[in-house]
Amino acid sequence: ERELVEREAYSGVRLTDEGETVAIEVIRHHRLLETYLVERLGYDWTEVHEEADVLEHHISETLEQRLAEALDDTAVDPHGAPIPSETLTLVSSPDTYLSECEHGEHLVVIEVSDRDSEQLAYLDDAGITPGTNLVVTEVAPIGLITVQPQTDDIGISLPMTVARTIRVRELNDKPEHAVSNANGAA
């Protein structure tokens, strides 16, 4: 039996080094499968998480390598999550969550959590996908953040619980047609 976790009194459990390696390999399988399903088999990005969950523990190393080759060793999955390298290096994201942003910030969506397919479908319909430029137009004290995609004239209000599932990066340069707030300020 493999020792993948260590139990620590009063602290719970933690992964052993071997457990961490296995976990990162499963993440690699999962994200490669999601990407292959979207890019090669025409699945929608909102429906691949569950399929990948079923398959991730059952692929060989050969299939993993062939998936990576077929995808030209792409660095991120359809949701923007980094795919661990063949050497199982997982790049951590320095990005922030949308819920931590302030009024007036110009952002690009980096990653959207794939845990809730209904939420993904809603965000997809609203145009909030990896690569989308946004402007925060309001942060309401009642737990809502309103953003406006650069390609749309209508703001979208999201609960902070949803905003905590969207990773963003601040844009260094404001887009030429920056969105104005009600006072006319960009």
N, C-alpha and C. Protein backbone atom coordinates (compact mmCIF):
# COMPACT_ATOMS: atom_id res chain seq x y z
N GLU A 1 0.85 -1.19 0.00
CA GLU A 1 0.00 0.00 0.00
C GLU A 1 0.89 1.24 0.00
N ARG A 2 0.55 2.19 -0.85
CA ARG A 2 1.33 3.42 -0.97
C ARG A 2 0.99 4.37 0.17
N GLU A 3 2.00 5.04 0.66
CA GLU A 3 1.82 6.03 1.73
C GLU A 3 1.69 7.40 1.08
N LEU A 4 0.44 7.83 0.86
CA LEU A 4 0.20 9.09 0.18
C LEU A 4 -0.13 10.23 1.13
N VAL A 5 -0.58 9.88 2.34
CA VAL A 5 -0.90 10.91 3.34
C VAL A 5 -0.28 10.54 4.68
N GLU A 6 0.00 11.57 5.46
CA GLU A 6 0.47 11.40 6.84
C GLU A 6 -0.59 11.98 7.75
N ARG A 7 -0.89 11.26 8.79
CA ARG A 7 -1.84 11.75 9.79
C ARG A 7 -1.04 12.38 10.93
N GLU A 8 -1.45 13.58 11.30
CA GLU A 8 -0.79 14.29 12.38
C GLU A 8 -1.82 14.57 13.47
N ALA A 9 -1.49 14.17 14.68
CA ALA A 9 -2.42 14.37 15.80
C ALA A 9 -2.78 15.84 15.93
N TYR A 10 -4.05 16.12 16.04
CA TYR A 10 -4.60 17.46 16.24
C TYR A 10 -4.39 18.40 15.05
N SER A 11 -3.81 17.89 13.98
CA SER A 11 -3.59 18.73 12.80
C SER A 11 -4.28 18.20 11.56
N GLY A 12 -4.75 16.98 11.59
CA GLY A 12 -5.39 16.41 10.42
C GLY A 12 -4.42 15.60 9.59
N VAL A 13 -4.50 15.75 8.28
CA VAL A 13 -3.64 14.99 7.38
C VAL A 13 -2.94 15.93 6.41
N ARG A 14 -1.84 15.45 5.86
CA ARG A 14 -1.14 16.19 4.81
C ARG A 14 -0.58 15.17 3.84
N LEU A 15 -0.39 15.60 2.61
CA LEU A 15 0.17 14.72 1.59
C LEU A 15 1.65 14.48 1.84
N THR A 16 2.09 13.24 1.63
CA THR A 16 3.52 12.95 1.64
C THR A 16 4.09 13.46 0.32
N ASP A 17 5.41 13.39 0.16
CA ASP A 17 6.01 13.79 -1.11
C ASP A 17 5.44 12.96 -2.25
N GLU A 18 5.30 11.65 -2.02
CA GLU A 18 4.73 10.78 -3.04
C GLU A 18 3.26 11.15 -3.31
N GLY A 19 2.53 11.45 -2.25
CA GLY A 19 1.13 11.86 -2.39
C GLY A 19 1.00 13.13 -3.21
N GLU A 20 1.91 14.07 -2.98
CA GLU A 20 1.90 15.32 -3.74
C GLU A 20 2.17 15.07 -5.23
N THR A 21 3.12 14.18 -5.50
CA THR A 21 3.44 13.83 -6.88
C THR A 21 2.23 13.20 -7.58
N VAL A 22 1.58 12.26 -6.88
CA VAL A 22 0.39 11.61 -7.46
C VAL A 22 -0.71 12.63 -7.70
N ALA A 23 -0.92 13.54 -6.76
CA ALA A 23 -1.97 14.55 -6.90
C ALA A 23 -1.71 15.46 -8.10
N ILE A 24 -0.47 15.90 -8.27
CA ILE A 24 -0.13 16.77 -9.40
C ILE A 24 -0.28 16.02 -10.72
N GLU A 25 0.06 14.73 -10.71
CA GLU A 25 -0.12 13.94 -11.94
C GLU A 25 -1.60 13.81 -12.30
N VAL A 26 -2.45 13.62 -11.31
CA VAL A 26 -3.90 13.54 -11.56
C VAL A 26 -4.41 14.88 -12.10
N ILE A 27 -3.90 15.98 -11.55
CA ILE A 27 -4.27 17.31 -12.05
C ILE A 27 -3.85 17.44 -13.52
N ARG A 28 -2.65 16.97 -13.84
CA ARG A 28 -2.17 17.03 -15.24
C ARG A 28 -3.11 16.23 -16.14
N HIS A 29 -3.43 15.00 -15.72
CA HIS A 29 -4.34 14.17 -16.53
C HIS A 29 -5.67 14.90 -16.74
N HIS A 30 -6.23 15.42 -15.65
CA HIS A 30 -7.54 16.08 -15.69
C HIS A 30 -7.53 17.25 -16.68
N ARG A 31 -6.54 18.10 -16.57
CA ARG A 31 -6.51 19.31 -17.40
C ARG A 31 -6.18 19.00 -18.85
N LEU A 32 -5.34 18.00 -19.09
CA LEU A 32 -5.09 17.58 -20.48
C LEU A 32 -6.37 17.00 -21.09
N LEU A 33 -7.08 16.18 -20.32
CA LEU A 33 -8.33 15.61 -20.82
C LEU A 33 -9.35 16.70 -21.13
N GLU A 34 -9.51 17.66 -20.22
CA GLU A 34 -10.45 18.76 -20.48
C GLU A 34 -10.10 19.49 -21.77
N THR A 35 -8.82 19.76 -21.94
CA THR A 35 -8.37 20.50 -23.12
C THR A 35 -8.60 19.70 -24.39
N TYR A 36 -8.29 18.41 -24.35
CA TYR A 36 -8.49 17.55 -25.51
C TYR A 36 -9.98 17.46 -25.87
N LEU A 37 -10.81 17.30 -24.86
CA LEU A 37 -12.25 17.20 -25.10
C LEU A 37 -12.80 18.46 -25.78
N VAL A 38 -12.30 19.63 -25.37
CA VAL A 38 -12.76 20.88 -25.96
C VAL A 38 -12.15 21.09 -27.35
N GLU A 39 -10.83 20.98 -27.44
CA GLU A 39 -10.14 21.35 -28.68
C GLU A 39 -10.26 20.32 -29.79
N ARG A 40 -10.33 19.04 -29.44
CA ARG A 40 -10.33 18.01 -30.48
C ARG A 40 -11.68 17.31 -30.66
N LEU A 41 -12.49 17.25 -29.60
CA LEU A 41 -13.75 16.52 -29.71
C LEU A 41 -14.98 17.42 -29.70
N GLY A 42 -14.75 18.73 -29.61
CA GLY A 42 -15.86 19.67 -29.74
C GLY A 42 -16.77 19.82 -28.54
N TYR A 43 -16.33 19.35 -27.39
CA TYR A 43 -17.12 19.56 -26.17
C TYR A 43 -17.15 21.05 -25.84
N ASP A 44 -18.17 21.47 -25.14
CA ASP A 44 -18.25 22.82 -24.62
C ASP A 44 -17.44 22.87 -23.32
N TRP A 45 -16.79 23.99 -23.04
CA TRP A 45 -15.96 24.10 -21.83
C TRP A 45 -16.77 23.94 -20.56
N THR A 46 -18.09 24.10 -20.64
CA THR A 46 -18.94 23.97 -19.46
C THR A 46 -19.24 22.52 -19.10
N GLU A 47 -18.94 21.57 -19.99
CA GLU A 47 -19.32 20.18 -19.75
C GLU A 47 -18.15 19.22 -19.60
N VAL A 48 -16.92 19.69 -19.64
CA VAL A 48 -15.79 18.76 -19.64
C VAL A 48 -15.29 18.37 -18.26
N HIS A 49 -15.59 19.15 -17.24
CA HIS A 49 -15.05 18.84 -15.91
C HIS A 49 -15.50 17.45 -15.44
N GLU A 50 -16.78 17.16 -15.56
CA GLU A 50 -17.30 15.88 -15.10
C GLU A 50 -16.71 14.72 -15.91
N GLU A 51 -16.58 14.91 -17.22
CA GLU A 51 -15.99 13.86 -18.06
C GLU A 51 -14.54 13.59 -17.64
N ALA A 52 -13.78 14.65 -17.42
CA ALA A 52 -12.38 14.49 -17.01
C ALA A 52 -12.28 13.84 -15.64
N ASP A 53 -13.21 14.15 -14.73
CA ASP A 53 -13.22 13.51 -13.41
C ASP A 53 -13.32 11.99 -13.54
N VAL A 54 -14.12 11.53 -14.48
CA VAL A 54 -14.32 10.09 -14.67
C VAL A 54 -13.05 9.45 -15.24
N LEU A 55 -12.38 10.12 -16.15
CA LEU A 55 -11.26 9.54 -16.89
C LEU A 55 -9.89 9.73 -16.27
N GLU A 56 -9.70 10.74 -15.45
CA GLU A 56 -8.35 11.17 -15.02
C GLU A 56 -7.53 10.08 -14.33
N HIS A 57 -8.14 9.14 -13.65
CA HIS A 57 -7.41 8.09 -12.93
C HIS A 57 -7.15 6.86 -13.80
N HIS A 58 -7.63 6.88 -15.03
CA HIS A 58 -7.60 5.66 -15.84
C HIS A 58 -6.81 5.80 -17.13
N ILE A 59 -5.96 6.80 -17.24
CA ILE A 59 -5.17 6.91 -18.47
C ILE A 59 -3.73 6.51 -18.19
N SER A 60 -3.11 5.92 -19.19
CA SER A 60 -1.71 5.49 -19.06
C SER A 60 -0.79 6.68 -19.29
N GLU A 61 0.48 6.46 -18.96
CA GLU A 61 1.48 7.50 -19.20
C GLU A 61 1.65 7.74 -20.70
N THR A 62 1.51 6.67 -21.48
CA THR A 62 1.61 6.82 -22.94
C THR A 62 0.49 7.70 -23.47
N LEU A 63 -0.75 7.45 -23.02
CA LEU A 63 -1.87 8.28 -23.45
C LEU A 63 -1.68 9.72 -22.99
N GLU A 64 -1.19 9.90 -21.76
CA GLU A 64 -0.93 11.27 -21.26
C GLU A 64 0.04 11.99 -22.20
N GLN A 65 1.14 11.31 -22.57
CA GLN A 65 2.13 11.92 -23.46
C GLN A 65 1.54 12.25 -24.83
N ARG A 66 0.71 11.35 -25.34
CA ARG A 66 0.11 11.58 -26.66
C ARG A 66 -0.90 12.72 -26.63
N LEU A 67 -1.64 12.82 -25.53
CA LEU A 67 -2.57 13.95 -25.38
C LEU A 67 -1.78 15.26 -25.40
N ALA A 68 -0.69 15.30 -24.61
CA ALA A 68 0.13 16.52 -24.53
C ALA A 68 0.69 16.87 -25.91
N GLU A 69 1.19 15.87 -26.63
CA GLU A 69 1.73 16.11 -27.98
C GLU A 69 0.64 16.61 -28.93
N ALA A 70 -0.53 15.99 -28.88
CA ALA A 70 -1.64 16.39 -29.76
C ALA A 70 -2.07 17.82 -29.49
N LEU A 71 -1.86 18.26 -28.25
CA LEU A 71 -2.25 19.62 -27.85
C LEU A 71 -1.08 20.59 -27.90
N ASP A 72 0.04 20.17 -28.51
CA ASP A 72 1.25 21.00 -28.61
C ASP A 72 1.71 21.49 -27.25
N ASP A 73 1.61 20.62 -26.24
CA ASP A 73 2.04 20.95 -24.87
C ASP A 73 1.49 22.29 -24.40
N THR A 74 0.22 22.52 -24.65
CA THR A 74 -0.43 23.76 -24.22
C THR A 74 -0.25 23.97 -22.72
N ALA A 75 -0.18 25.21 -22.31
CA ALA A 75 0.14 25.54 -20.91
C ALA A 75 -1.08 25.65 -20.01
N VAL A 76 -2.27 25.89 -20.58
CA VAL A 76 -3.47 26.07 -19.75
C VAL A 76 -4.63 25.28 -20.33
N ASP A 77 -5.57 24.93 -19.45
CA ASP A 77 -6.77 24.22 -19.88
C ASP A 77 -7.83 25.22 -20.35
N PRO A 78 -9.00 24.75 -20.80
CA PRO A 78 -10.01 25.68 -21.34
C PRO A 78 -10.52 26.70 -20.33
N HIS A 79 -10.33 26.42 -19.04
CA HIS A 79 -10.80 27.34 -18.00
C HIS A 79 -9.71 28.30 -17.56
N GLY A 80 -8.51 28.16 -18.17
CA GLY A 80 -7.39 29.04 -17.85
C GLY A 80 -6.48 28.51 -16.76
N ALA A 81 -6.76 27.31 -16.24
CA ALA A 81 -5.93 26.73 -15.18
C ALA A 81 -4.64 26.18 -15.78
N PRO A 82 -3.50 26.41 -15.11
CA PRO A 82 -2.24 25.91 -15.65
C PRO A 82 -2.18 24.38 -15.64
N ILE A 83 -1.65 23.81 -16.72
CA ILE A 83 -1.46 22.37 -16.82
C ILE A 83 -0.05 22.06 -16.32
N PRO A 84 0.08 21.17 -15.32
CA PRO A 84 1.43 20.81 -14.86
C PRO A 84 2.26 20.27 -16.03
N SER A 85 3.55 20.56 -15.99
CA SER A 85 4.45 20.11 -17.06
C SER A 85 4.65 18.59 -16.97
N GLU A 86 5.33 18.05 -17.97
CA GLU A 86 5.63 16.61 -17.98
C GLU A 86 6.46 16.22 -16.77
N THR A 87 7.26 17.15 -16.26
CA THR A 87 8.06 16.88 -15.05
C THR A 87 7.27 17.17 -13.78
N LEU A 88 5.98 17.42 -13.93
CA LEU A 88 5.04 17.66 -12.83
C LEU A 88 5.31 18.95 -12.07
N THR A 89 5.79 19.94 -12.80
CA THR A 89 5.93 21.27 -12.23
C THR A 89 4.62 22.00 -12.45
N LEU A 90 4.07 22.52 -11.37
CA LEU A 90 2.80 23.26 -11.45
C LEU A 90 3.08 24.71 -11.11
N VAL A 91 2.88 25.57 -12.09
CA VAL A 91 3.14 27.00 -11.90
C VAL A 91 2.01 27.59 -11.07
N SER A 92 2.37 28.25 -9.98
CA SER A 92 1.32 28.90 -9.18
C SER A 92 1.03 30.28 -9.78
N SER A 93 -0.20 30.68 -9.62
CA SER A 93 -0.64 31.93 -10.24
C SER A 93 -0.46 33.11 -9.29
N PRO A 94 0.19 34.18 -9.75
CA PRO A 94 0.30 35.38 -8.93
C PRO A 94 -0.93 36.27 -9.06
N ASP A 95 -1.89 35.80 -9.83
CA ASP A 95 -3.07 36.62 -10.11
C ASP A 95 -3.96 36.72 -8.88
N THR A 96 -4.92 37.61 -8.96
CA THR A 96 -5.83 37.86 -7.84
C THR A 96 -7.24 37.43 -8.23
N TYR A 97 -8.11 37.36 -7.25
CA TYR A 97 -9.50 37.04 -7.53
C TYR A 97 -10.28 38.32 -7.82
N LEU A 98 -11.28 38.21 -8.67
CA LEU A 98 -12.12 39.35 -9.01
C LEU A 98 -12.73 39.96 -7.75
N SER A 99 -13.02 39.15 -6.77
CA SER A 99 -13.63 39.64 -5.52
C SER A 99 -12.73 40.61 -4.76
N GLU A 100 -11.43 40.62 -5.05
CA GLU A 100 -10.47 41.48 -4.36
C GLU A 100 -10.22 42.79 -5.11
N CYS A 101 -10.87 42.98 -6.23
CA CYS A 101 -10.61 44.16 -7.07
C CYS A 101 -11.48 45.34 -6.66
N GLU A 102 -11.06 46.52 -7.12
CA GLU A 102 -11.73 47.76 -6.75
C GLU A 102 -12.31 48.45 -7.98
N HIS A 103 -13.22 49.37 -7.70
CA HIS A 103 -13.86 50.17 -8.75
C HIS A 103 -12.80 50.80 -9.66
N GLY A 104 -13.05 50.74 -10.95
CA GLY A 104 -12.17 51.39 -11.92
C GLY A 104 -11.02 50.53 -12.42
N GLU A 105 -10.79 49.38 -11.83
CA GLU A 105 -9.68 48.55 -12.28
C GLU A 105 -9.99 47.93 -13.64
N HIS A 106 -8.98 47.92 -14.50
CA HIS A 106 -9.06 47.29 -15.81
C HIS A 106 -8.35 45.95 -15.70
N LEU A 107 -9.05 44.89 -16.07
CA LEU A 107 -8.57 43.53 -15.80
C LEU A 107 -8.69 42.65 -17.03
N VAL A 108 -7.97 41.54 -17.00
CA VAL A 108 -8.17 40.47 -17.97
C VAL A 108 -8.45 39.21 -17.16
N VAL A 109 -9.44 38.44 -17.61
CA VAL A 109 -9.77 37.18 -16.94
C VAL A 109 -8.70 36.16 -17.30
N ILE A 110 -8.12 35.55 -16.28
CA ILE A 110 -7.08 34.54 -16.46
C ILE A 110 -7.64 33.14 -16.33
N GLU A 111 -8.48 32.92 -15.31
CA GLU A 111 -8.97 31.58 -15.02
C GLU A 111 -10.36 31.66 -14.39
N VAL A 112 -11.20 30.70 -14.75
CA VAL A 112 -12.54 30.59 -14.18
C VAL A 112 -12.66 29.18 -13.60
N SER A 113 -13.09 29.06 -12.36
CA SER A 113 -13.25 27.74 -11.74
C SER A 113 -14.21 26.88 -12.54
N ASP A 114 -13.85 25.60 -12.67
CA ASP A 114 -14.69 24.68 -13.44
C ASP A 114 -15.57 23.80 -12.56
N ARG A 115 -15.69 24.12 -11.29
CA ARG A 115 -16.42 23.26 -10.34
C ARG A 115 -17.93 23.26 -10.51
N ASP A 116 -18.50 24.28 -11.10
CA ASP A 116 -19.95 24.40 -11.21
C ASP A 116 -20.32 24.67 -12.67
N SER A 117 -20.85 23.66 -13.35
CA SER A 117 -21.13 23.81 -14.78
C SER A 117 -22.23 24.84 -15.06
N GLU A 118 -23.20 24.98 -14.15
CA GLU A 118 -24.24 26.00 -14.35
C GLU A 118 -23.65 27.40 -14.24
N GLN A 119 -22.75 27.59 -13.28
CA GLN A 119 -22.08 28.89 -13.15
C GLN A 119 -21.23 29.17 -14.38
N LEU A 120 -20.51 28.15 -14.87
CA LEU A 120 -19.71 28.33 -16.08
C LEU A 120 -20.59 28.74 -17.26
N ALA A 121 -21.74 28.10 -17.40
CA ALA A 121 -22.65 28.44 -18.50
C ALA A 121 -23.13 29.88 -18.37
N TYR A 122 -23.44 30.31 -17.15
CA TYR A 122 -23.88 31.69 -16.92
C TYR A 122 -22.77 32.67 -17.30
N LEU A 123 -21.55 32.40 -16.82
CA LEU A 123 -20.43 33.29 -17.13
C LEU A 123 -20.14 33.30 -18.63
N ASP A 124 -20.24 32.15 -19.26
CA ASP A 124 -20.04 32.05 -20.70
C ASP A 124 -21.06 32.92 -21.44
N ASP A 125 -22.32 32.81 -21.06
CA ASP A 125 -23.38 33.63 -21.67
C ASP A 125 -23.13 35.12 -21.44
N ALA A 126 -22.54 35.45 -20.28
CA ALA A 126 -22.26 36.85 -19.95
C ALA A 126 -20.97 37.35 -20.60
N GLY A 127 -20.24 36.46 -21.27
CA GLY A 127 -19.00 36.86 -21.93
C GLY A 127 -17.80 36.93 -21.01
N ILE A 128 -17.87 36.27 -19.86
CA ILE A 128 -16.76 36.29 -18.91
C ILE A 128 -16.04 34.95 -19.01
N THR A 129 -15.00 34.94 -19.84
CA THR A 129 -14.21 33.74 -20.11
C THR A 129 -12.73 34.13 -20.08
N PRO A 130 -11.82 33.16 -19.97
CA PRO A 130 -10.40 33.51 -19.99
C PRO A 130 -10.05 34.33 -21.23
N GLY A 131 -9.32 35.40 -21.01
CA GLY A 131 -8.92 36.31 -22.08
C GLY A 131 -9.80 37.53 -22.23
N THR A 132 -10.95 37.55 -21.55
CA THR A 132 -11.87 38.68 -21.64
C THR A 132 -11.34 39.86 -20.82
N ASN A 133 -11.35 41.05 -21.41
CA ASN A 133 -11.00 42.27 -20.68
C ASN A 133 -12.25 42.80 -19.99
N LEU A 134 -12.10 43.22 -18.74
CA LEU A 134 -13.20 43.74 -17.93
C LEU A 134 -12.80 45.05 -17.28
N VAL A 135 -13.81 45.83 -16.92
CA VAL A 135 -13.62 46.99 -16.06
C VAL A 135 -14.56 46.83 -14.89
N VAL A 136 -14.06 47.04 -13.67
CA VAL A 136 -14.92 47.00 -12.49
C VAL A 136 -15.64 48.35 -12.44
N THR A 137 -16.96 48.32 -12.56
CA THR A 137 -17.73 49.57 -12.56
C THR A 137 -18.39 49.86 -11.22
N GLU A 138 -18.49 48.85 -10.36
CA GLU A 138 -19.06 49.08 -9.03
C GLU A 138 -18.73 47.92 -8.11
N VAL A 139 -18.44 48.27 -6.86
CA VAL A 139 -18.32 47.27 -5.80
C VAL A 139 -19.33 47.67 -4.75
N ALA A 140 -20.40 46.92 -4.65
CA ALA A 140 -21.50 47.28 -3.75
C ALA A 140 -21.28 46.67 -2.37
N PRO A 141 -21.66 47.40 -1.32
CA PRO A 141 -21.47 46.90 0.05
C PRO A 141 -22.37 45.71 0.39
N ILE A 142 -23.29 45.36 -0.51
CA ILE A 142 -24.18 44.23 -0.25
C ILE A 142 -23.64 42.92 -0.82
N GLY A 143 -22.37 42.91 -1.21
CA GLY A 143 -21.75 41.68 -1.69
C GLY A 143 -21.85 41.44 -3.17
N LEU A 144 -21.94 42.51 -3.96
CA LEU A 144 -21.97 42.39 -5.41
C LEU A 144 -20.83 43.19 -6.02
N ILE A 145 -20.31 42.68 -7.12
CA ILE A 145 -19.33 43.43 -7.90
C ILE A 145 -19.87 43.48 -9.33
N THR A 146 -19.85 44.68 -9.92
CA THR A 146 -20.34 44.85 -11.28
C THR A 146 -19.16 45.08 -12.19
N VAL A 147 -19.11 44.30 -13.27
CA VAL A 147 -18.04 44.42 -14.25
C VAL A 147 -18.66 44.61 -15.62
N GLN A 148 -17.88 45.22 -16.48
CA GLN A 148 -18.32 45.41 -17.85
C GLN A 148 -17.27 44.83 -18.79
N PRO A 149 -17.63 43.77 -19.52
CA PRO A 149 -16.69 43.26 -20.52
C PRO A 149 -16.41 44.34 -21.55
N GLN A 150 -15.18 44.40 -22.04
CA GLN A 150 -14.77 45.43 -22.99
C GLN A 150 -15.61 45.38 -24.26
N THR A 151 -16.11 44.22 -24.60
CA THR A 151 -16.86 44.07 -25.85
C THR A 151 -18.36 44.28 -25.68
N ASP A 152 -18.80 44.71 -24.51
CA ASP A 152 -20.23 44.83 -24.24
C ASP A 152 -20.53 46.19 -23.62
N ASP A 153 -21.75 46.67 -23.81
CA ASP A 153 -22.16 47.94 -23.23
C ASP A 153 -22.91 47.76 -21.92
N ILE A 154 -23.15 46.54 -21.54
CA ILE A 154 -23.95 46.27 -20.35
C ILE A 154 -23.09 45.67 -19.26
N GLY A 155 -23.20 46.22 -18.05
CA GLY A 155 -22.49 45.67 -16.91
C GLY A 155 -23.17 44.42 -16.38
N ILE A 156 -22.39 43.57 -15.74
CA ILE A 156 -22.89 42.33 -15.17
C ILE A 156 -22.56 42.34 -13.69
N SER A 157 -23.58 42.21 -12.86
CA SER A 157 -23.37 42.16 -11.41
C SER A 157 -23.24 40.71 -10.98
N LEU A 158 -22.17 40.44 -10.24
CA LEU A 158 -21.90 39.09 -9.77
C LEU A 158 -21.83 39.07 -8.25
N PRO A 159 -22.37 38.04 -7.62
CA PRO A 159 -22.18 37.90 -6.18
C PRO A 159 -20.69 37.66 -5.89
N MET A 160 -20.23 38.09 -4.74
CA MET A 160 -18.82 37.90 -4.38
C MET A 160 -18.45 36.41 -4.34
N THR A 161 -19.43 35.54 -4.03
CA THR A 161 -19.13 34.10 -4.04
C THR A 161 -18.72 33.64 -5.44
N VAL A 162 -19.30 34.23 -6.47
CA VAL A 162 -18.91 33.91 -7.84
C VAL A 162 -17.61 34.62 -8.19
N ALA A 163 -17.46 35.87 -7.79
CA ALA A 163 -16.24 36.64 -8.08
C ALA A 163 -15.01 35.99 -7.46
N ARG A 164 -15.19 35.23 -6.37
CA ARG A 164 -14.07 34.52 -5.74
C ARG A 164 -13.62 33.30 -6.54
N THR A 165 -14.33 32.97 -7.61
CA THR A 165 -13.95 31.83 -8.44
C THR A 165 -13.33 32.25 -9.77
N ILE A 166 -13.11 33.56 -9.92
CA ILE A 166 -12.57 34.11 -11.18
C ILE A 166 -11.23 34.78 -10.89
N ARG A 167 -10.16 34.23 -11.50
CA ARG A 167 -8.83 34.84 -11.34
C ARG A 167 -8.64 35.87 -12.44
N VAL A 168 -8.10 37.02 -12.05
CA VAL A 168 -7.88 38.11 -13.00
C VAL A 168 -6.48 38.68 -12.81
N ARG A 169 -6.05 39.42 -13.81
CA ARG A 169 -4.78 40.15 -13.74
C ARG A 169 -5.07 41.57 -14.17
N GLU A 170 -4.48 42.52 -13.47
CA GLU A 170 -4.68 43.93 -13.83
C GLU A 170 -3.96 44.22 -15.13
N LEU A 171 -4.65 44.96 -16.00
CA LEU A 171 -4.04 45.38 -17.26
C LEU A 171 -3.16 46.59 -16.99
N ASN A 172 -1.95 46.58 -17.54
CA ASN A 172 -1.05 47.71 -17.35
C ASN A 172 -1.51 48.92 -18.14
N ASP A 173 -2.02 48.68 -19.33
CA ASP A 173 -2.50 49.77 -20.17
C ASP A 173 -4.01 49.68 -20.27
N LYS A 174 -4.68 50.81 -20.05
CA LYS A 174 -6.13 50.84 -20.19
C LYS A 174 -6.48 50.73 -21.67
N PRO A 175 -7.54 50.00 -21.99
CA PRO A 175 -7.97 49.94 -23.39
C PRO A 175 -8.33 51.34 -23.88
N GLU A 176 -8.19 51.57 -25.19
CA GLU A 176 -8.47 52.89 -25.76
C GLU A 176 -9.89 53.35 -25.51
N HIS A 177 -10.84 52.45 -25.55
CA HIS A 177 -12.23 52.85 -25.31
C HIS A 177 -12.64 52.39 -23.91
N ALA A 178 -11.96 52.95 -22.92
CA ALA A 178 -12.23 52.60 -21.52
C ALA A 178 -13.67 52.92 -21.16
N VAL A 179 -14.24 52.06 -20.35
CA VAL A 179 -15.62 52.22 -19.92
C VAL A 179 -15.71 53.33 -18.89
N SER A 180 -16.71 54.18 -19.01
CA SER A 180 -16.91 55.27 -18.05
C SER A 180 -17.95 54.88 -17.03
N ASN A 181 -17.84 55.45 -15.84
CA ASN A 181 -18.89 55.24 -14.85
C ASN A 181 -19.95 56.31 -15.03
N ALA A 182 -20.93 56.33 -14.16
CA ALA A 182 -22.06 57.27 -14.30
C ALA A 182 -21.60 58.73 -14.24
N ASN A 183 -20.45 58.99 -13.61
CA ASN A 183 -19.96 60.36 -13.49
C ASN A 183 -19.08 60.76 -14.68
N GLY A 184 -18.89 59.84 -15.62
CA GLY A 184 -18.10 60.15 -16.80
C GLY A 184 -16.62 59.90 -16.62
N ALA A 185 -16.20 59.46 -15.44
CA ALA A 185 -14.78 59.19 -15.21
C ALA A 185 -14.44 57.79 -15.69
N ALA A 186 -13.27 57.66 -16.28
CA ALA A 186 -12.83 56.34 -16.76
C ALA A 186 -12.16 55.58 -15.65
